[in-house]
């Protein structure tokens, strides 16, 4: 009898300690997959919360590295990721890849969510998943209450000839 009580006590403590950890695990809330196709321009995700950022975040992944003077080495942009809020009060995360035409910060299409005036953050393309959001981006719900902290991760394929999927953008709670 004492053995069962001890076992139940240990199980109850384990559940009480581990349950909050299970509920705080990161959860993917959206994903954009860009495939090798001349027809895929970009992909965008729309959320019912807004990002608490003072201005749009424009991440530029440089294929050959980042130039110390600013911009990408030889001007070769591989991918562009945007995190912003739109006029409808939605949070937007979008990714655009260099498929058929060469990308530059100055020639983003007019329907891409980030304006060309957004200050770019240049990063070296690694071919592996890169967390773009640092410690996370806080959000606010339509009610005004704080929303989840968001993690934005981009993966860019360094050699698109080996895989149909060239680039991936993942948005998850932190």
N, C-alpha and C. Protein backbone atom coordinates (compact mmCIF):
# COMPACT_ATOMS: atom_id res chain seq x y z
N UNK A 1 0.81 -1.19 0.00
CA UNK A 1 0.00 0.00 0.00
C UNK A 1 0.87 1.27 0.00
N UNK A 2 1.89 1.31 0.85
CA UNK A 2 2.78 2.47 0.91
C UNK A 2 3.51 2.66 -0.42
N UNK A 3 3.84 1.55 -1.06
CA UNK A 3 4.53 1.61 -2.34
C UNK A 3 3.65 2.30 -3.39
N UNK A 4 2.36 2.00 -3.41
CA UNK A 4 1.42 2.62 -4.35
C UNK A 4 1.27 4.11 -4.07
N UNK A 5 1.21 4.47 -2.82
CA UNK A 5 1.07 5.89 -2.46
C UNK A 5 2.31 6.65 -2.91
N UNK A 6 3.50 6.09 -2.69
CA UNK A 6 4.73 6.74 -3.15
C UNK A 6 4.74 6.88 -4.67
N UNK A 7 4.34 5.82 -5.36
CA UNK A 7 4.31 5.85 -6.81
C UNK A 7 3.33 6.91 -7.30
N UNK A 8 2.14 6.99 -6.71
CA UNK A 8 1.16 8.01 -7.08
C UNK A 8 1.68 9.41 -6.77
N UNK A 9 2.38 9.57 -5.66
CA UNK A 9 2.95 10.86 -5.31
C UNK A 9 4.01 11.29 -6.32
N UNK A 10 4.88 10.38 -6.69
CA UNK A 10 5.92 10.67 -7.69
C UNK A 10 5.28 11.01 -9.03
N UNK A 11 4.28 10.24 -9.45
CA UNK A 11 3.60 10.53 -10.71
C UNK A 11 2.90 11.89 -10.69
N UNK A 12 2.24 12.20 -9.58
CA UNK A 12 1.55 13.50 -9.47
C UNK A 12 2.55 14.65 -9.54
N UNK A 13 3.67 14.51 -8.87
CA UNK A 13 4.69 15.57 -8.92
C UNK A 13 5.27 15.70 -10.33
N UNK A 14 5.49 14.58 -11.00
CA UNK A 14 6.02 14.62 -12.36
C UNK A 14 5.04 15.32 -13.29
N UNK A 15 3.78 15.00 -13.17
CA UNK A 15 2.77 15.65 -14.02
C UNK A 15 2.70 17.15 -13.73
N UNK A 16 2.74 17.52 -12.46
CA UNK A 16 2.67 18.95 -12.09
C UNK A 16 3.88 19.72 -12.60
N UNK A 17 5.03 19.10 -12.62
CA UNK A 17 6.24 19.78 -13.08
C UNK A 17 6.33 19.77 -14.60
N UNK A 18 6.00 18.67 -15.25
CA UNK A 18 6.18 18.54 -16.70
C UNK A 18 5.04 19.11 -17.52
N UNK A 19 3.83 19.19 -16.99
CA UNK A 19 2.69 19.69 -17.77
C UNK A 19 2.90 21.13 -18.26
N UNK A 20 3.33 22.06 -17.41
CA UNK A 20 3.54 23.42 -17.93
C UNK A 20 4.61 23.47 -19.03
N UNK A 21 5.61 22.60 -18.93
CA UNK A 21 6.64 22.57 -19.96
C UNK A 21 6.07 22.11 -21.30
N UNK A 22 5.13 21.19 -21.26
CA UNK A 22 4.52 20.69 -22.50
C UNK A 22 3.69 21.78 -23.17
N UNK A 23 3.02 22.60 -22.38
CA UNK A 23 2.19 23.65 -22.95
C UNK A 23 3.00 24.85 -23.42
N UNK A 24 4.26 24.97 -22.99
CA UNK A 24 5.08 26.09 -23.41
C UNK A 24 6.01 25.74 -24.56
N UNK A 25 5.88 24.55 -25.10
CA UNK A 25 6.73 24.13 -26.21
C UNK A 25 6.40 24.97 -27.45
N UNK A 26 7.41 25.26 -28.28
CA UNK A 26 7.13 26.02 -29.51
C UNK A 26 6.14 25.27 -30.40
N UNK A 27 5.25 26.05 -31.01
CA UNK A 27 4.24 25.49 -31.90
C UNK A 27 4.31 26.22 -33.23
N UNK A 28 4.47 25.46 -34.33
CA UNK A 28 4.48 26.08 -35.65
C UNK A 28 3.07 26.58 -35.96
N UNK A 29 2.96 27.86 -36.32
CA UNK A 29 1.64 28.42 -36.65
C UNK A 29 1.52 28.77 -38.13
N UNK A 30 2.60 28.64 -38.87
CA UNK A 30 2.53 28.89 -40.30
C UNK A 30 3.83 28.53 -40.99
N UNK A 31 3.71 28.16 -42.28
CA UNK A 31 4.90 27.76 -43.04
C UNK A 31 4.70 28.11 -44.51
N UNK A 32 5.72 28.68 -45.11
CA UNK A 32 5.75 28.96 -46.54
C UNK A 32 6.84 28.09 -47.14
N UNK A 33 6.49 27.34 -48.18
CA UNK A 33 7.48 26.54 -48.90
C UNK A 33 7.51 27.04 -50.33
N UNK A 34 8.67 27.50 -50.76
CA UNK A 34 8.84 27.93 -52.14
C UNK A 34 9.54 26.82 -52.91
N UNK A 35 8.98 26.42 -54.02
CA UNK A 35 9.53 25.36 -54.84
C UNK A 35 10.22 25.95 -56.05
N UNK A 36 11.09 25.16 -56.66
CA UNK A 36 11.76 25.59 -57.88
C UNK A 36 10.74 25.66 -59.00
N UNK A 37 10.30 26.86 -59.28
CA UNK A 37 9.28 27.06 -60.31
C UNK A 37 9.38 28.50 -60.79
N UNK A 38 9.23 28.72 -62.07
CA UNK A 38 9.26 30.11 -62.54
C UNK A 38 8.00 30.87 -62.16
N UNK A 39 7.00 30.18 -61.62
CA UNK A 39 5.73 30.83 -61.32
C UNK A 39 5.59 31.27 -59.88
N UNK A 40 6.43 30.74 -58.99
CA UNK A 40 6.32 31.12 -57.58
C UNK A 40 7.15 32.37 -57.33
N UNK A 41 6.46 33.44 -57.03
CA UNK A 41 7.12 34.71 -56.77
C UNK A 41 7.48 34.80 -55.29
N UNK A 42 6.47 34.66 -54.45
CA UNK A 42 6.69 34.67 -53.01
C UNK A 42 5.49 34.06 -52.32
N UNK A 43 5.65 33.81 -51.03
CA UNK A 43 4.56 33.30 -50.21
C UNK A 43 4.41 34.18 -49.00
N UNK A 44 3.17 34.32 -48.51
CA UNK A 44 2.91 35.17 -47.36
C UNK A 44 1.95 34.47 -46.39
N UNK A 45 2.12 34.77 -45.12
CA UNK A 45 1.26 34.27 -44.05
C UNK A 45 0.61 35.46 -43.37
N UNK A 46 -0.67 35.35 -43.03
CA UNK A 46 -1.41 36.42 -42.38
C UNK A 46 -1.93 35.90 -41.05
N UNK A 47 -1.76 36.72 -39.98
CA UNK A 47 -2.12 36.30 -38.64
C UNK A 47 -3.12 37.27 -38.02
N UNK A 48 -3.94 36.79 -37.08
CA UNK A 48 -4.95 37.67 -36.46
C UNK A 48 -4.38 38.59 -35.38
N UNK A 49 -3.09 38.59 -35.19
CA UNK A 49 -2.43 39.49 -34.24
C UNK A 49 -1.53 40.43 -35.01
N UNK A 50 -1.02 41.45 -34.33
CA UNK A 50 -0.05 42.36 -34.95
C UNK A 50 1.30 42.19 -34.25
N UNK A 51 2.35 42.35 -35.04
CA UNK A 51 3.70 42.33 -34.49
C UNK A 51 3.97 43.67 -33.80
N UNK A 52 4.56 43.62 -32.62
CA UNK A 52 4.92 44.85 -31.92
C UNK A 52 6.32 45.26 -32.37
N UNK A 53 6.37 45.89 -33.53
CA UNK A 53 7.62 46.37 -34.10
C UNK A 53 7.40 47.81 -34.56
N UNK A 54 8.41 48.66 -34.42
CA UNK A 54 8.23 50.06 -34.81
C UNK A 54 8.17 50.26 -36.32
N UNK A 55 8.78 49.37 -37.08
CA UNK A 55 8.82 49.49 -38.54
C UNK A 55 8.92 48.08 -39.12
N UNK A 56 8.59 47.91 -40.39
CA UNK A 56 8.73 46.58 -41.00
C UNK A 56 10.16 46.06 -40.90
N UNK A 57 10.28 44.75 -40.68
CA UNK A 57 11.59 44.10 -40.65
C UNK A 57 11.81 43.45 -42.01
N UNK A 58 12.89 43.81 -42.67
CA UNK A 58 13.22 43.28 -43.99
C UNK A 58 14.57 42.58 -43.90
N UNK A 59 14.54 41.24 -43.90
CA UNK A 59 15.76 40.44 -43.81
C UNK A 59 16.17 40.06 -45.22
N UNK A 60 17.43 40.31 -45.56
CA UNK A 60 17.96 39.99 -46.89
C UNK A 60 19.04 38.94 -46.72
N UNK A 61 18.82 37.75 -47.30
CA UNK A 61 19.81 36.68 -47.24
C UNK A 61 20.73 36.79 -48.45
N UNK A 62 22.01 36.93 -48.18
CA UNK A 62 23.01 37.15 -49.23
C UNK A 62 23.67 35.82 -49.59
N UNK A 63 23.63 35.47 -50.87
CA UNK A 63 24.15 34.19 -51.33
C UNK A 63 25.66 34.06 -51.13
N UNK A 64 26.41 35.11 -51.39
CA UNK A 64 27.88 35.04 -51.31
C UNK A 64 28.44 35.72 -50.07
N UNK A 65 27.60 36.07 -49.13
CA UNK A 65 28.05 36.73 -47.91
C UNK A 65 27.67 38.19 -47.87
N UNK A 66 27.91 38.80 -46.72
CA UNK A 66 27.56 40.20 -46.49
C UNK A 66 28.79 41.07 -46.68
N UNK A 67 28.64 42.13 -47.44
CA UNK A 67 29.70 43.09 -47.68
C UNK A 67 29.86 43.95 -46.43
N UNK A 68 31.08 44.09 -45.89
CA UNK A 68 31.27 44.92 -44.69
C UNK A 68 30.82 46.37 -44.88
N UNK A 69 30.85 46.86 -46.11
CA UNK A 69 30.41 48.23 -46.37
C UNK A 69 28.89 48.34 -46.47
N UNK A 70 28.20 47.20 -46.42
CA UNK A 70 26.74 47.19 -46.52
C UNK A 70 26.29 46.47 -47.77
N UNK A 71 25.20 45.75 -47.66
CA UNK A 71 24.67 45.02 -48.79
C UNK A 71 25.28 43.63 -48.91
N UNK A 72 24.94 42.97 -50.01
CA UNK A 72 25.43 41.62 -50.28
C UNK A 72 26.68 41.68 -51.14
N UNK A 73 27.59 40.72 -50.95
CA UNK A 73 28.78 40.62 -51.78
C UNK A 73 28.34 40.44 -53.23
N UNK A 74 28.93 41.24 -54.12
CA UNK A 74 28.60 41.25 -55.54
C UNK A 74 27.12 41.53 -55.82
N UNK A 75 26.40 42.04 -54.82
CA UNK A 75 24.99 42.38 -54.99
C UNK A 75 24.08 41.18 -55.19
N UNK A 76 24.54 39.97 -54.81
CA UNK A 76 23.76 38.76 -55.05
C UNK A 76 22.85 38.46 -53.86
N UNK A 77 21.56 38.77 -54.03
CA UNK A 77 20.54 38.51 -53.02
C UNK A 77 19.89 37.17 -53.34
N UNK A 78 19.81 36.31 -52.35
CA UNK A 78 19.17 35.01 -52.55
C UNK A 78 17.70 35.05 -52.18
N UNK A 79 17.40 35.58 -50.99
CA UNK A 79 16.03 35.59 -50.49
C UNK A 79 15.77 36.86 -49.70
N UNK A 80 14.50 37.21 -49.63
CA UNK A 80 14.07 38.35 -48.84
C UNK A 80 12.91 37.89 -47.96
N UNK A 81 12.99 38.21 -46.67
CA UNK A 81 11.93 37.87 -45.72
C UNK A 81 11.43 39.16 -45.10
N UNK A 82 10.11 39.27 -45.02
CA UNK A 82 9.47 40.47 -44.49
C UNK A 82 8.60 40.10 -43.29
N UNK A 83 8.67 40.91 -42.23
CA UNK A 83 7.78 40.78 -41.08
C UNK A 83 7.20 42.18 -40.86
N UNK A 84 5.87 42.30 -40.96
CA UNK A 84 5.23 43.61 -40.87
C UNK A 84 3.77 43.47 -40.45
N UNK A 85 3.08 44.57 -40.38
CA UNK A 85 1.64 44.61 -40.15
C UNK A 85 1.00 45.27 -41.37
N UNK A 86 -0.17 44.78 -41.77
CA UNK A 86 -0.83 45.40 -42.92
C UNK A 86 -1.94 46.35 -42.49
N UNK A 87 -2.57 46.98 -43.47
CA UNK A 87 -3.63 47.96 -43.21
C UNK A 87 -4.87 47.32 -42.57
N UNK A 88 -5.06 46.00 -42.75
CA UNK A 88 -6.21 45.30 -42.19
C UNK A 88 -6.01 44.91 -40.73
N UNK A 89 -4.88 45.28 -40.15
CA UNK A 89 -4.61 44.95 -38.75
C UNK A 89 -4.08 43.55 -38.55
N UNK A 90 -3.52 42.96 -39.59
CA UNK A 90 -2.98 41.61 -39.49
C UNK A 90 -1.45 41.66 -39.45
N UNK A 91 -0.86 40.69 -38.75
CA UNK A 91 0.57 40.49 -38.82
C UNK A 91 0.88 39.69 -40.08
N UNK A 92 1.93 40.07 -40.79
CA UNK A 92 2.26 39.41 -42.06
C UNK A 92 3.73 39.00 -42.03
N UNK A 93 3.98 37.75 -42.45
CA UNK A 93 5.33 37.26 -42.65
C UNK A 93 5.38 36.72 -44.08
N UNK A 94 6.37 37.16 -44.86
CA UNK A 94 6.44 36.75 -46.26
C UNK A 94 7.88 36.43 -46.63
N UNK A 95 8.04 35.58 -47.65
CA UNK A 95 9.36 35.22 -48.16
C UNK A 95 9.34 35.26 -49.68
N UNK A 96 10.40 35.81 -50.24
CA UNK A 96 10.56 35.87 -51.68
C UNK A 96 11.94 35.30 -52.02
N UNK A 97 11.99 34.52 -53.09
CA UNK A 97 13.24 33.87 -53.46
C UNK A 97 13.67 34.30 -54.85
N UNK A 98 14.97 34.27 -55.07
CA UNK A 98 15.55 34.57 -56.38
C UNK A 98 15.36 33.35 -57.26
N UNK A 99 14.33 33.35 -58.09
CA UNK A 99 14.05 32.21 -58.94
C UNK A 99 14.52 32.48 -60.37
N UNK A 100 13.82 33.29 -61.08
CA UNK A 100 14.12 33.55 -62.48
C UNK A 100 14.84 34.90 -62.67
N UNK A 101 14.46 35.87 -61.86
CA UNK A 101 15.06 37.19 -61.99
C UNK A 101 15.89 37.49 -60.77
N UNK A 102 16.92 38.27 -60.95
CA UNK A 102 17.79 38.64 -59.85
C UNK A 102 17.06 39.58 -58.90
N UNK A 103 17.18 39.30 -57.62
CA UNK A 103 16.54 40.12 -56.60
C UNK A 103 17.47 41.25 -56.17
N UNK A 104 16.86 42.34 -55.78
CA UNK A 104 17.57 43.39 -55.06
C UNK A 104 16.54 44.09 -54.19
N UNK A 105 17.01 44.77 -53.18
CA UNK A 105 16.10 45.45 -52.28
C UNK A 105 15.31 46.51 -53.04
N UNK A 106 15.90 47.06 -54.09
CA UNK A 106 15.24 48.12 -54.85
C UNK A 106 14.22 47.63 -55.87
N UNK A 107 14.18 46.32 -56.18
CA UNK A 107 13.24 45.86 -57.20
C UNK A 107 12.20 44.87 -56.67
N UNK A 108 11.80 45.02 -55.42
CA UNK A 108 10.77 44.16 -54.87
C UNK A 108 9.44 44.47 -55.56
N UNK A 109 8.64 43.46 -55.84
CA UNK A 109 7.37 43.72 -56.53
C UNK A 109 6.43 44.54 -55.66
N UNK A 110 5.54 45.30 -56.27
CA UNK A 110 4.65 46.17 -55.49
C UNK A 110 3.70 45.41 -54.58
N UNK A 111 3.42 44.13 -54.85
CA UNK A 111 2.53 43.38 -53.98
C UNK A 111 3.26 42.64 -52.85
N UNK A 112 4.59 42.77 -52.77
CA UNK A 112 5.32 42.21 -51.64
C UNK A 112 5.00 43.06 -50.42
N UNK A 113 4.72 42.44 -49.26
CA UNK A 113 4.23 43.19 -48.10
C UNK A 113 5.12 44.30 -47.55
N UNK A 114 6.45 44.14 -47.64
CA UNK A 114 7.34 45.18 -47.10
C UNK A 114 7.62 46.23 -48.15
N UNK A 115 7.55 47.48 -47.76
CA UNK A 115 7.90 48.53 -48.73
C UNK A 115 9.40 48.55 -48.98
N UNK A 116 9.78 49.03 -50.15
CA UNK A 116 11.21 49.12 -50.51
C UNK A 116 11.94 50.10 -49.59
N UNK A 117 11.21 50.92 -48.87
CA UNK A 117 11.83 51.90 -47.97
C UNK A 117 12.22 51.30 -46.63
N UNK A 118 11.82 50.03 -46.35
CA UNK A 118 12.19 49.39 -45.09
C UNK A 118 13.70 49.21 -45.02
N UNK A 119 14.27 49.44 -43.86
CA UNK A 119 15.71 49.29 -43.67
C UNK A 119 16.09 47.81 -43.67
N UNK A 120 16.89 47.37 -44.63
CA UNK A 120 17.22 45.94 -44.72
C UNK A 120 18.24 45.50 -43.67
N UNK A 121 18.08 44.25 -43.23
CA UNK A 121 19.03 43.61 -42.34
C UNK A 121 19.68 42.51 -43.17
N UNK A 122 20.96 42.65 -43.48
CA UNK A 122 21.66 41.71 -44.37
C UNK A 122 22.26 40.56 -43.56
N UNK A 123 22.00 39.33 -44.00
CA UNK A 123 22.51 38.13 -43.35
C UNK A 123 23.09 37.19 -44.41
N UNK A 124 24.10 36.43 -44.02
CA UNK A 124 24.69 35.45 -44.95
C UNK A 124 23.78 34.23 -45.04
N UNK A 125 23.53 33.77 -46.23
CA UNK A 125 22.76 32.55 -46.45
C UNK A 125 23.62 31.36 -46.04
N UNK A 126 23.07 30.45 -45.24
CA UNK A 126 23.86 29.33 -44.74
C UNK A 126 23.43 27.98 -45.29
N UNK A 127 22.24 27.88 -45.86
CA UNK A 127 21.73 26.59 -46.31
C UNK A 127 21.07 25.81 -45.20
N UNK A 128 21.13 26.33 -43.98
CA UNK A 128 20.48 25.71 -42.82
C UNK A 128 19.45 26.67 -42.27
N UNK A 129 18.64 26.18 -41.36
CA UNK A 129 17.63 27.03 -40.72
C UNK A 129 18.30 28.16 -39.95
N UNK A 130 17.84 29.38 -40.18
CA UNK A 130 18.38 30.55 -39.49
C UNK A 130 17.24 31.26 -38.77
N UNK A 131 17.40 31.48 -37.47
CA UNK A 131 16.40 32.22 -36.71
C UNK A 131 16.63 33.70 -37.00
N UNK A 132 15.63 34.35 -37.58
CA UNK A 132 15.75 35.75 -37.96
C UNK A 132 15.27 36.69 -36.86
N UNK A 133 14.43 36.19 -35.97
CA UNK A 133 13.76 37.05 -35.00
C UNK A 133 14.51 37.24 -33.70
N UNK A 134 15.72 36.75 -33.60
CA UNK A 134 16.49 36.91 -32.36
C UNK A 134 15.78 36.25 -31.19
N UNK A 135 15.54 37.01 -30.13
CA UNK A 135 14.87 36.46 -28.94
C UNK A 135 13.37 36.34 -29.13
N UNK A 136 12.87 36.74 -30.26
CA UNK A 136 11.43 36.64 -30.52
C UNK A 136 10.81 38.00 -30.74
N UNK A 137 9.67 38.00 -31.40
CA UNK A 137 8.95 39.24 -31.68
C UNK A 137 7.65 39.21 -30.90
N UNK A 138 7.45 40.17 -29.98
CA UNK A 138 6.19 40.21 -29.24
C UNK A 138 5.03 40.60 -30.16
N UNK A 139 3.83 40.15 -29.80
CA UNK A 139 2.65 40.48 -30.59
C UNK A 139 1.56 41.02 -29.68
N UNK A 140 0.55 41.59 -30.30
CA UNK A 140 -0.61 42.10 -29.57
C UNK A 140 -1.87 41.60 -30.27
N UNK A 141 -2.83 41.13 -29.49
CA UNK A 141 -4.08 40.61 -30.02
C UNK A 141 -5.03 41.76 -30.34
N UNK A 142 -6.06 41.51 -31.15
CA UNK A 142 -7.02 42.58 -31.48
C UNK A 142 -7.71 43.19 -30.26
N UNK A 143 -7.77 42.43 -29.16
CA UNK A 143 -8.39 42.94 -27.92
C UNK A 143 -7.47 43.90 -27.17
N UNK A 144 -6.21 43.97 -27.59
CA UNK A 144 -5.22 44.79 -26.90
C UNK A 144 -4.39 44.01 -25.92
N UNK A 145 -4.76 42.75 -25.69
CA UNK A 145 -4.00 41.89 -24.77
C UNK A 145 -2.71 41.42 -25.46
N UNK A 146 -1.69 41.13 -24.67
CA UNK A 146 -0.45 40.60 -25.28
C UNK A 146 -0.71 39.27 -25.96
N UNK A 147 -0.11 39.09 -27.11
CA UNK A 147 -0.21 37.83 -27.85
C UNK A 147 1.04 37.00 -27.64
N UNK A 148 1.20 35.96 -28.42
CA UNK A 148 2.38 35.10 -28.26
C UNK A 148 3.65 35.79 -28.77
N UNK A 149 4.77 35.37 -28.23
CA UNK A 149 6.06 35.81 -28.76
C UNK A 149 6.37 34.90 -29.94
N UNK A 150 6.75 35.50 -31.06
CA UNK A 150 6.88 34.78 -32.32
C UNK A 150 8.35 34.60 -32.70
N UNK A 151 8.66 33.40 -33.21
CA UNK A 151 9.99 33.10 -33.74
C UNK A 151 9.85 32.92 -35.26
N UNK A 152 10.70 33.59 -36.02
CA UNK A 152 10.69 33.51 -37.48
C UNK A 152 11.99 32.84 -37.91
N UNK A 153 11.86 31.73 -38.67
CA UNK A 153 13.01 30.95 -39.11
C UNK A 153 12.96 30.78 -40.62
N UNK A 154 14.07 31.02 -41.28
CA UNK A 154 14.15 30.84 -42.74
C UNK A 154 15.23 29.83 -43.07
N UNK A 155 14.93 28.99 -44.05
CA UNK A 155 15.90 28.04 -44.58
C UNK A 155 16.00 28.29 -46.07
N UNK A 156 17.20 28.49 -46.54
CA UNK A 156 17.42 28.76 -47.96
C UNK A 156 18.39 27.73 -48.51
N UNK A 157 18.01 27.09 -49.60
CA UNK A 157 18.84 26.05 -50.22
C UNK A 157 19.97 26.69 -51.00
N UNK A 158 21.21 26.36 -50.64
CA UNK A 158 22.36 26.92 -51.34
C UNK A 158 22.50 26.37 -52.75
N UNK A 159 22.03 25.14 -52.97
CA UNK A 159 22.14 24.53 -54.30
C UNK A 159 20.75 24.05 -54.72
N UNK A 160 19.96 24.92 -55.36
CA UNK A 160 18.57 24.57 -55.66
C UNK A 160 18.42 23.45 -56.69
N UNK A 161 19.48 23.02 -57.34
CA UNK A 161 19.36 21.96 -58.33
C UNK A 161 19.22 20.58 -57.70
N UNK A 162 19.52 20.46 -56.40
CA UNK A 162 19.46 19.16 -55.75
C UNK A 162 18.12 18.88 -55.09
N UNK A 163 17.23 19.85 -55.05
CA UNK A 163 15.99 19.68 -54.32
C UNK A 163 14.89 20.50 -54.99
N UNK A 164 13.67 19.98 -54.98
CA UNK A 164 12.54 20.74 -55.54
C UNK A 164 12.22 21.92 -54.64
N UNK A 165 12.25 21.71 -53.32
CA UNK A 165 11.99 22.79 -52.38
C UNK A 165 13.23 23.65 -52.27
N UNK A 166 13.08 24.93 -52.59
CA UNK A 166 14.27 25.78 -52.54
C UNK A 166 14.36 26.54 -51.22
N UNK A 167 13.24 27.00 -50.68
CA UNK A 167 13.29 27.84 -49.50
C UNK A 167 12.06 27.61 -48.63
N UNK A 168 12.25 27.81 -47.31
CA UNK A 168 11.17 27.61 -46.36
C UNK A 168 11.19 28.73 -45.32
N UNK A 169 10.00 29.23 -45.00
CA UNK A 169 9.82 30.20 -43.92
C UNK A 169 8.89 29.58 -42.91
N UNK A 170 9.32 29.53 -41.65
CA UNK A 170 8.50 28.95 -40.58
C UNK A 170 8.27 30.02 -39.52
N UNK A 171 7.01 30.15 -39.12
CA UNK A 171 6.64 31.07 -38.04
C UNK A 171 6.07 30.21 -36.92
N UNK A 172 6.62 30.37 -35.71
CA UNK A 172 6.16 29.56 -34.58
C UNK A 172 6.08 30.42 -33.33
N UNK A 173 5.33 29.90 -32.36
CA UNK A 173 5.31 30.57 -31.06
C UNK A 173 6.59 30.18 -30.36
N UNK A 174 7.02 30.99 -29.44
CA UNK A 174 8.29 30.71 -28.77
C UNK A 174 8.04 30.15 -27.40
